[in-house]
Every structure is written in structure tokens, then in C-alpha cells.
Amino acid sequence: MGIEWYVEQIFKDLPFGIAIAMVVFLGILLVIWLLLPLWVLFIQWNTGKIKDEIRYLVDLMEKKGREEKEKREQDEKQKKTPGPMD
């Protein structure tokens, strides 16, 4: 009583078109069931990569913001400090 028996019973008891549709549907379900663990692993791996990229971009933005703030503070100090008077 293998899978062949079940397929044979489906074709015996149901009209041909419905039997074909049912076998195709069950085949698609089988493929999805087999590939689902790989798909989940791929999504988890990809999500981890995306998190790493976002973390990198946030660090880059913070670094740029600090550099701009330091540059502004230096410019303000230079404006406050009087230069040599002629």
C-alpha cells in the first residue's frame, strides 16, 4: 500500500480532470513542505545580514554626526578666539 495505491484509487474513484488537479495540488504541497525549512533558513540568514547592514549604517551616521559636531565646535572656537589685530 504505497503511494501508487493511493494515486490509483484517486484516478479510479474520481473523474480524470479532478484526479489530475488533485495530484498536482498534492505534489505542490509536497514540494512546499520539503522546501519550507530551507526557505526559513534563508530568511533567517538574510535577516541577519540586513541587521548587520543596518547596524553598520547607523554606526556610520553616528560617526559622521560626531565629526560634524566636532568641526562646528572648532569653527565656533576659532570665531571666538580673536586673531592678531593690525
PDB file of N, CA and C in Angstrom:
ATOM      1  N   MET A   1       0.831  -1.190   0.000  1.00  0.00           N
ATOM      2  CA  MET A   1       0.000   0.000   0.000  1.00  0.00           C
ATOM      3  C   MET A   1       0.875   1.253   0.000  1.00  0.00           C
ATOM      4  N   GLY A   2       1.542   1.458  -1.081  1.00  0.00           N
ATOM      5  CA  GLY A   2       2.388   2.636  -1.197  1.00  0.00           C
ATOM      6  C   GLY A   2       1.607   3.794  -1.775  1.00  0.00           C
ATOM      7  N   ILE A   3       2.344   4.779  -2.152  1.00  0.00           N
ATOM      8  CA  ILE A   3       1.722   5.979  -2.719  1.00  0.00           C
ATOM      9  C   ILE A   3       1.040   5.665  -4.054  1.00  0.00           C
ATOM     10  N   GLU A   4       1.573   4.652  -4.745  1.00  0.00           N
ATOM     11  CA  GLU A   4       0.972   4.286  -6.035  1.00  0.00           C
ATOM     12  C   GLU A   4      -0.484   3.837  -5.841  1.00  0.00           C
ATOM     13  N   TRP A   5      -0.724   3.134  -4.759  1.00  0.00           N
ATOM     14  CA  TRP A   5      -2.088   2.639  -4.493  1.00  0.00           C
ATOM     15  C   TRP A   5      -3.039   3.806  -4.288  1.00  0.00           C
ATOM     16  N   TYR A   6      -2.576   4.831  -3.535  1.00  0.00           N
ATOM     17  CA  TYR A   6      -3.428   5.994  -3.294  1.00  0.00           C
ATOM     18  C   TYR A   6      -3.714   6.742  -4.590  1.00  0.00           C
ATOM     19  N   VAL A   7      -2.700   6.916  -5.410  1.00  0.00           N
ATOM     20  CA  VAL A   7      -2.893   7.609  -6.684  1.00  0.00           C
ATOM     21  C   VAL A   7      -3.847   6.802  -7.571  1.00  0.00           C
ATOM     22  N   GLU A   8      -3.685   5.489  -7.570  1.00  0.00           N
ATOM     23  CA  GLU A   8      -4.571   4.633  -8.360  1.00  0.00           C
ATOM     24  C   GLU A   8      -6.017   4.757  -7.898  1.00  0.00           C
ATOM     25  N   GLN A   9      -6.234   4.804  -6.592  1.00  0.00           N
ATOM     26  CA  GLN A   9      -7.593   4.946  -6.059  1.00  0.00           C
ATOM     27  C   GLN A   9      -8.192   6.302  -6.427  1.00  0.00           C
ATOM     28  N   ILE A  10      -7.360   7.343  -6.393  1.00  0.00           N
ATOM     29  CA  ILE A  10      -7.850   8.675  -6.769  1.00  0.00           C
ATOM     30  C   ILE A  10      -8.318   8.657  -8.220  1.00  0.00           C
ATOM     31  N   PHE A  11      -7.525   8.050  -9.114  1.00  0.00           N
ATOM     32  CA  PHE A  11      -7.897   8.027 -10.525  1.00  0.00           C
ATOM     33  C   PHE A  11      -9.083   7.105 -10.781  1.00  0.00           C
ATOM     34  N   LYS A  12      -9.256   6.068  -9.957  1.00  0.00           N
ATOM     35  CA  LYS A  12     -10.371   5.136 -10.134  1.00  0.00           C
ATOM     36  C   LYS A  12     -11.692   5.765  -9.702  1.00  0.00           C
ATOM     37  N   ASP A  13     -11.681   6.465  -8.561  1.00  0.00           N
ATOM     38  CA  ASP A  13     -12.918   6.934  -7.943  1.00  0.00           C
ATOM     39  C   ASP A  13     -13.368   8.309  -8.431  1.00  0.00           C
ATOM     40  N   LEU A  14     -12.454   9.121  -8.929  1.00  0.00           N
ATOM     41  CA  LEU A  14     -12.806  10.494  -9.319  1.00  0.00           C
ATOM     42  C   LEU A  14     -12.701  10.658 -10.827  1.00  0.00           C
ATOM     43  N   PRO A  15     -13.404  11.668 -11.359  1.00  0.00           N
ATOM     44  CA  PRO A  15     -13.238  11.984 -12.786  1.00  0.00           C
ATOM     45  C   PRO A  15     -11.785  12.371 -13.082  1.00  0.00           C
ATOM     46  N   PHE A  16     -11.364  12.128 -14.323  1.00  0.00           N
ATOM     47  CA  PHE A  16      -9.960  12.279 -14.701  1.00  0.00           C
ATOM     48  C   PHE A  16      -9.418  13.694 -14.427  1.00  0.00           C
ATOM     49  N   GLY A  17     -10.157  14.726 -14.785  1.00  0.00           N
ATOM     50  CA  GLY A  17      -9.696  16.119 -14.605  1.00  0.00           C
ATOM     51  C   GLY A  17      -9.500  16.462 -13.136  1.00  0.00           C
ATOM     52  N   ILE A  18     -10.443  16.045 -12.313  1.00  0.00           N
ATOM     53  CA  ILE A  18     -10.348  16.320 -10.881  1.00  0.00           C
ATOM     54  C   ILE A  18      -9.179  15.541 -10.277  1.00  0.00           C
ATOM     55  N   ALA A  19      -8.984  14.309 -10.740  1.00  0.00           N
ATOM     56  CA  ALA A  19      -7.875  13.494 -10.225  1.00  0.00           C
ATOM     57  C   ALA A  19      -6.531  14.134 -10.573  1.00  0.00           C
ATOM     58  N   ILE A  20      -6.403  14.612 -11.810  1.00  0.00           N
ATOM     59  CA  ILE A  20      -5.152  15.281 -12.209  1.00  0.00           C
ATOM     60  C   ILE A  20      -4.928  16.518 -11.341  1.00  0.00           C
ATOM     61  N   ALA A  21      -5.977  17.329 -11.168  1.00  0.00           N
ATOM     62  CA  ALA A  21      -5.855  18.550 -10.357  1.00  0.00           C
ATOM     63  C   ALA A  21      -5.454  18.197  -8.922  1.00  0.00           C
ATOM     64  N   MET A  22      -6.044  17.150  -8.393  1.00  0.00           N
ATOM     65  CA  MET A  22      -5.743  16.754  -7.019  1.00  0.00           C
ATOM     66  C   MET A  22      -4.282  16.277  -6.891  1.00  0.00           C
ATOM     67  N   VAL A  23      -3.812  15.498  -7.836  1.00  0.00           N
ATOM     68  CA  VAL A  23      -2.431  15.012  -7.793  1.00  0.00           C
ATOM     69  C   VAL A  23      -1.446  16.173  -7.943  1.00  0.00           C
ATOM     70  N   VAL A  24      -1.748  17.112  -8.822  1.00  0.00           N
ATOM     71  CA  VAL A  24      -0.885  18.285  -8.994  1.00  0.00           C
ATOM     72  C   VAL A  24      -0.858  19.112  -7.710  1.00  0.00           C
ATOM     73  N   PHE A  25      -2.027  19.315  -7.119  1.00  0.00           N
ATOM     74  CA  PHE A  25      -2.116  20.078  -5.871  1.00  0.00           C
ATOM     75  C   PHE A  25      -1.320  19.401  -4.763  1.00  0.00           C
ATOM     76  N   LEU A  26      -1.465  18.092  -4.632  1.00  0.00           N
ATOM     77  CA  LEU A  26      -0.722  17.367  -3.600  1.00  0.00           C
ATOM     78  C   LEU A  26       0.789  17.406  -3.880  1.00  0.00           C
ATOM     79  N   GLY A  27       1.161  17.377  -5.142  1.00  0.00           N
ATOM     80  CA  GLY A  27       2.578  17.488  -5.499  1.00  0.00           C
ATOM     81  C   GLY A  27       3.146  18.843  -5.107  1.00  0.00           C
ATOM     82  N   ILE A  28       2.373  19.883  -5.370  1.00  0.00           N
ATOM     83  CA  ILE A  28       2.810  21.231  -4.990  1.00  0.00           C
ATOM     84  C   ILE A  28       2.945  21.332  -3.473  1.00  0.00           C
ATOM     85  N   LEU A  29       1.983  20.778  -2.749  1.00  0.00           N
ATOM     86  CA  LEU A  29       2.074  20.791  -1.289  1.00  0.00           C
ATOM     87  C   LEU A  29       3.313  20.048  -0.801  1.00  0.00           C
ATOM     88  N   LEU A  30       3.622  18.931  -1.440  1.00  0.00           N
ATOM     89  CA  LEU A  30       4.804  18.164  -1.063  1.00  0.00           C
ATOM     90  C   LEU A  30       6.089  18.974  -1.284  1.00  0.00           C
ATOM     91  N   VAL A  31       6.174  19.640  -2.422  1.00  0.00           N
ATOM     92  CA  VAL A  31       7.359  20.456  -2.720  1.00  0.00           C
ATOM     93  C   VAL A  31       7.487  21.594  -1.713  1.00  0.00           C
ATOM     94  N   ILE A  32       6.370  22.254  -1.414  1.00  0.00           N
ATOM     95  CA  ILE A  32       6.399  23.344  -0.427  1.00  0.00           C
ATOM     96  C   ILE A  32       6.831  22.810   0.929  1.00  0.00           C
ATOM     97  N   TRP A  33       6.298  21.664   1.311  1.00  0.00           N
ATOM     98  CA  TRP A  33       6.635  21.072   2.606  1.00  0.00           C
ATOM     99  C   TRP A  33       8.122  20.721   2.688  1.00  0.00           C
ATOM    100  N   LEU A  34       8.679  20.275   1.570  1.00  0.00           N
ATOM    101  CA  LEU A  34      10.097  19.922   1.556  1.00  0.00           C
ATOM    102  C   LEU A  34      11.003  21.151   1.533  1.00  0.00           C
ATOM    103  N   LEU A  35      10.564  22.209   0.853  1.00  0.00           N
ATOM    104  CA  LEU A  35      11.410  23.397   0.709  1.00  0.00           C
ATOM    105  C   LEU A  35      11.230  24.416   1.833  1.00  0.00           C
ATOM    106  N   LEU A  36      10.179  24.288   2.619  1.00  0.00           N
ATOM    107  CA  LEU A  36       9.907  25.271   3.662  1.00  0.00           C
ATOM    108  C   LEU A  36      11.058  25.429   4.657  1.00  0.00           C
ATOM    109  N   PRO A  37      11.661  24.352   5.155  1.00  0.00           N
ATOM    110  CA  PRO A  37      12.790  24.553   6.083  1.00  0.00           C
ATOM    111  C   PRO A  37      13.953  25.323   5.452  1.00  0.00           C
ATOM    112  N   LEU A  38      14.241  25.051   4.180  1.00  0.00           N
ATOM    113  CA  LEU A  38      15.312  25.791   3.509  1.00  0.00           C
ATOM    114  C   LEU A  38      14.948  27.268   3.369  1.00  0.00           C
ATOM    115  N   TRP A  39      13.683  27.537   3.057  1.00  0.00           N
ATOM    116  CA  TRP A  39      13.212  28.913   2.903  1.00  0.00           C
ATOM    117  C   TRP A  39      13.343  29.661   4.229  1.00  0.00           C
ATOM    118  N   VAL A  40      12.952  29.020   5.330  1.00  0.00           N
ATOM    119  CA  VAL A  40      13.048  29.655   6.643  1.00  0.00           C
ATOM    120  C   VAL A  40      14.506  29.947   6.984  1.00  0.00           C
ATOM    121  N   LEU A  41      15.386  28.995   6.716  1.00  0.00           N
ATOM    122  CA  LEU A  41      16.806  29.226   6.980  1.00  0.00           C
ATOM    123  C   LEU A  41      17.346  30.378   6.143  1.00  0.00           C
ATOM    124  N   PHE A  42      16.934  30.464   4.886  1.00  0.00           N
ATOM    125  CA  PHE A  42      17.378  31.549   4.013  1.00  0.00           C
ATOM    126  C   PHE A  42      16.909  32.894   4.549  1.00  0.00           C
ATOM    127  N   ILE A  43      15.651  32.967   4.983  1.00  0.00           N
ATOM    128  CA  ILE A  43      15.114  34.230   5.503  1.00  0.00           C
ATOM    129  C   ILE A  43      15.854  34.630   6.771  1.00  0.00           C
ATOM    130  N   GLN A  44      16.125  33.672   7.653  1.00  0.00           N
ATOM    131  CA  GLN A  44      16.852  33.994   8.877  1.00  0.00           C
ATOM    132  C   GLN A  44      18.263  34.491   8.545  1.00  0.00           C
ATOM    133  N   TRP A  45      18.926  33.854   7.601  1.00  0.00           N
ATOM    134  CA  TRP A  45      20.269  34.262   7.219  1.00  0.00           C
ATOM    135  C   TRP A  45      20.245  35.662   6.614  1.00  0.00           C
ATOM    136  N   ASN A  46      19.269  35.893   5.734  1.00  0.00           N
ATOM    137  CA  ASN A  46      19.150  37.189   5.076  1.00  0.00           C
ATOM    138  C   ASN A  46      18.812  38.280   6.086  1.00  0.00           C
ATOM    139  N   THR A  47      17.926  37.980   7.034  1.00  0.00           N
ATOM    140  CA  THR A  47      17.553  38.952   8.051  1.00  0.00           C
ATOM    141  C   THR A  47      18.765  39.323   8.891  1.00  0.00           C
ATOM    142  N   GLY A  48      19.590  38.354   9.208  1.00  0.00           N
ATOM    143  CA  GLY A  48      20.813  38.640   9.955  1.00  0.00           C
ATOM    144  C   GLY A  48      21.739  39.556   9.179  1.00  0.00           C
ATOM    145  N   LYS A  49      21.855  39.311   7.878  1.00  0.00           N
ATOM    146  CA  LYS A  49      22.696  40.184   7.048  1.00  0.00           C
ATOM    147  C   LYS A  49      22.136  41.595   7.015  1.00  0.00           C
ATOM    148  N   ILE A  50      20.815  41.713   6.897  1.00  0.00           N
ATOM    149  CA  ILE A  50      20.185  43.033   6.841  1.00  0.00           C
ATOM    150  C   ILE A  50      20.396  43.764   8.161  1.00  0.00           C
ATOM    151  N   LYS A  51      20.266  43.046   9.285  1.00  0.00           N
ATOM    152  CA  LYS A  51      20.502  43.674  10.588  1.00  0.00           C
ATOM    153  C   LYS A  51      21.926  44.185  10.682  1.00  0.00           C
ATOM    154  N   ASP A  52      22.885  43.391  10.208  1.00  0.00           N
ATOM    155  CA  ASP A  52      24.282  43.813  10.241  1.00  0.00           C
ATOM    156  C   ASP A  52      24.492  45.061   9.396  1.00  0.00           C
ATOM    157  N   GLU A  53      23.863  45.115   8.229  1.00  0.00           N
ATOM    158  CA  GLU A  53      23.999  46.284   7.355  1.00  0.00           C
ATOM    159  C   GLU A  53      23.383  47.518   8.006  1.00  0.00           C
ATOM    160  N   ILE A  54      22.220  47.359   8.618  1.00  0.00           N
ATOM    161  CA  ILE A  54      21.564  48.495   9.284  1.00  0.00           C
ATOM    162  C   ILE A  54      22.434  48.982  10.437  1.00  0.00           C
ATOM    163  N   ARG A  55      22.978  48.055  11.216  1.00  0.00           N
ATOM    164  CA  ARG A  55      23.854  48.429  12.335  1.00  0.00           C
ATOM    165  C   ARG A  55      25.072  49.197  11.816  1.00  0.00           C
ATOM    166  N   TYR A  56      25.640  48.723  10.701  1.00  0.00           N
ATOM    167  CA  TYR A  56      26.798  49.399  10.111  1.00  0.00           C
ATOM    168  C   TYR A  56      26.432  50.819   9.665  1.00  0.00           C
ATOM    169  N   LEU A  57      25.267  50.973   9.012  1.00  0.00           N
ATOM    170  CA  LEU A  57      24.857  52.295   8.543  1.00  0.00           C
ATOM    171  C   LEU A  57      24.585  53.241   9.708  1.00  0.00           C
ATOM    172  N   VAL A  58      23.971  52.725  10.785  1.00  0.00           N
ATOM    173  CA  VAL A  58      23.713  53.569  11.956  1.00  0.00           C
ATOM    174  C   VAL A  58      25.029  54.027  12.570  1.00  0.00           C
ATOM    175  N   ASP A  59      25.979  53.109  12.692  1.00  0.00           N
ATOM    176  CA  ASP A  59      27.294  53.485  13.228  1.00  0.00           C
ATOM    177  C   ASP A  59      27.964  54.538  12.349  1.00  0.00           C
ATOM    178  N   LEU A  60      27.842  54.365  11.037  1.00  0.00           N
ATOM    179  CA  LEU A  60      28.431  55.319  10.104  1.00  0.00           C
ATOM    180  C   LEU A  60      27.792  56.701  10.250  1.00  0.00           C
ATOM    181  N   MET A  61      26.452  56.730  10.380  1.00  0.00           N
ATOM    182  CA  MET A  61      25.751  58.009  10.546  1.00  0.00           C
ATOM    183  C   MET A  61      26.141  58.679  11.865  1.00  0.00           C
ATOM    184  N   GLU A  62      26.248  57.885  12.932  1.00  0.00           N
ATOM    185  CA  GLU A  62      26.644  58.458  14.222  1.00  0.00           C
ATOM    186  C   GLU A  62      28.059  59.026  14.148  1.00  0.00           C
ATOM    187  N   LYS A  63      28.952  58.322  13.496  1.00  0.00           N
ATOM    188  CA  LYS A  63      30.336  58.788  13.360  1.00  0.00           C
ATOM    189  C   LYS A  63      30.378  60.095  12.571  1.00  0.00           C
ATOM    190  N   LYS A  64      29.604  60.151  11.483  1.00  0.00           N
ATOM    191  CA  LYS A  64      29.573  61.367  10.674  1.00  0.00           C
ATOM    192  C   LYS A  64      28.989  62.529  11.478  1.00  0.00           C
ATOM    193  N   GLY A  65      27.948  62.246  12.262  1.00  0.00           N
ATOM    194  CA  GLY A  65      27.346  63.288  13.099  1.00  0.00           C
ATOM    195  C   GLY A  65      28.321  63.818  14.133  1.00  0.00           C
ATOM    196  N   ARG A  66      29.087  62.914  14.764  1.00  0.00           N
ATOM    197  CA  ARG A  66      30.098  63.348  15.742  1.00  0.00           C
ATOM    198  C   ARG A  66      31.168  64.211  15.078  1.00  0.00           C
ATOM    199  N   GLU A  67      31.606  63.788  13.895  1.00  0.00           N
ATOM    200  CA  GLU A  67      32.644  64.552  13.192  1.00  0.00           C
ATOM    201  C   GLU A  67      32.147  65.947  12.825  1.00  0.00           C
ATOM    202  N   GLU A  68      30.892  66.044  12.369  1.00  0.00           N
ATOM    203  CA  GLU A  68      30.343  67.355  12.014  1.00  0.00           C
ATOM    204  C   GLU A  68      30.203  68.240  13.249  1.00  0.00           C
ATOM    205  N   LYS A  69      29.784  67.621  14.367  1.00  0.00           N
ATOM    206  CA  LYS A  69      29.637  68.390  15.604  1.00  0.00           C
ATOM    207  C   LYS A  69      30.989  68.911  16.071  1.00  0.00           C
ATOM    208  N   GLU A  70      32.020  68.066  16.018  1.00  0.00           N
ATOM    209  CA  GLU A  70      33.360  68.489  16.424  1.00  0.00           C
ATOM    210  C   GLU A  70      33.870  69.607  15.516  1.00  0.00           C
ATOM    211  N   LYS A  71      33.591  69.498  14.217  1.00  0.00           N
ATOM    212  CA  LYS A  71      34.043  70.530  13.281  1.00  0.00           C
ATOM    213  C   LYS A  71      33.344  71.853  13.576  1.00  0.00           C
ATOM    214  N   ARG A  72      32.022  71.790  13.864  1.00  0.00           N
ATOM    215  CA  ARG A  72      31.281  73.006  14.200  1.00  0.00           C
ATOM    216  C   ARG A  72      31.834  73.653  15.461  1.00  0.00           C
ATOM    217  N   GLU A  73      32.142  72.837  16.474  1.00  0.00           N
ATOM    218  CA  GLU A  73      32.688  73.365  17.727  1.00  0.00           C
ATOM    219  C   GLU A  73      34.044  74.023  17.490  1.00  0.00           C
ATOM    220  N   GLN A  74      34.872  73.422  16.634  1.00  0.00           N
ATOM    221  CA  GLN A  74      36.171  74.019  16.329  1.00  0.00           C
ATOM    222  C   GLN A  74      35.998  75.344  15.596  1.00  0.00           C
ATOM    223  N   ASP A  75      35.040  75.381  14.662  1.00  0.00           N
ATOM    224  CA  ASP A  75      34.791  76.629  13.939  1.00  0.00           C
ATOM    225  C   ASP A  75      34.315  77.721  14.890  1.00  0.00           C
ATOM    226  N   GLU A  76      33.445  77.360  15.846  1.00  0.00           N
ATOM    227  CA  GLU A  76      32.953  78.352  16.804  1.00  0.00           C
ATOM    228  C   GLU A  76      34.087  78.846  17.698  1.00  0.00           C
ATOM    229  N   LYS A  77      34.980  77.965  18.100  1.00  0.00           N
ATOM    230  CA  LYS A  77      36.119  78.365  18.929  1.00  0.00           C
ATOM    231  C   LYS A  77      37.025  79.320  18.165  1.00  0.00           C
ATOM    232  N   GLN A  78      37.216  79.045  16.864  1.00  0.00           N
ATOM    233  CA  GLN A  78      38.072  79.921  16.060  1.00  0.00           C
ATOM    234  C   GLN A  78      37.438  81.292  15.893  1.00  0.00           C
ATOM    235  N   LYS A  79      36.112  81.342  15.808  1.00  0.00           N
ATOM    236  CA  LYS A  79      35.444  82.637  15.675  1.00  0.00           C
ATOM    237  C   LYS A  79      35.536  83.429  16.974  1.00  0.00           C
ATOM    238  N   LYS A  80      35.458  82.738  18.127  1.00  0.00           N
ATOM    239  CA  LYS A  80      35.510  83.413  19.412  1.00  0.00           C
ATOM    240  C   LYS A  80      36.924  83.888  19.747  1.00  0.00           C
ATOM    241  N   THR A  81      37.910  83.127  19.324  1.00  0.00           N
ATOM    242  CA  THR A  81      39.290  83.476  19.618  1.00  0.00           C
ATOM    243  C   THR A  81      39.728  84.598  18.683  1.00  0.00           C
ATOM    244  N   PRO A  82      40.043  85.742  19.251  1.00  0.00           N
ATOM    245  CA  PRO A  82      40.449  86.865  18.377  1.00  0.00           C
ATOM    246  C   PRO A  82      41.824  86.601  17.780  1.00  0.00           C
ATOM    247  N   GLY A  83      41.950  86.932  16.537  1.00  0.00           N
ATOM    248  CA  GLY A  83      43.229  86.787  15.841  1.00  0.00           C
ATOM    249  C   GLY A  83      44.103  88.017  16.129  1.00  0.00           C
ATOM    250  N   PRO A  84      45.261  88.071  15.555  1.00  0.00           N
ATOM    251  CA  PRO A  84      46.145  89.249  15.766  1.00  0.00           C
ATOM    252  C   PRO A  84      45.517  90.501  15.146  1.00  0.00           C
ATOM    253  N   MET A  85      45.542  91.558  15.908  1.00  0.00           N
ATOM    254  CA  MET A  85      44.963  92.810  15.456  1.00  0.00           C
ATOM    255  C   MET A  85      46.028  93.619  14.754  1.00  0.00           C
ATOM    256  N   ASP A  86      45.675  94.216  13.613  1.00  0.00           N
ATOM    257  CA  ASP A  86      46.640  95.064  12.873  1.00  0.00           C
ATOM    258  C   ASP A  86      46.338  96.501  13.109  1.00  0.00           C
TER     259      ASP A  86
END
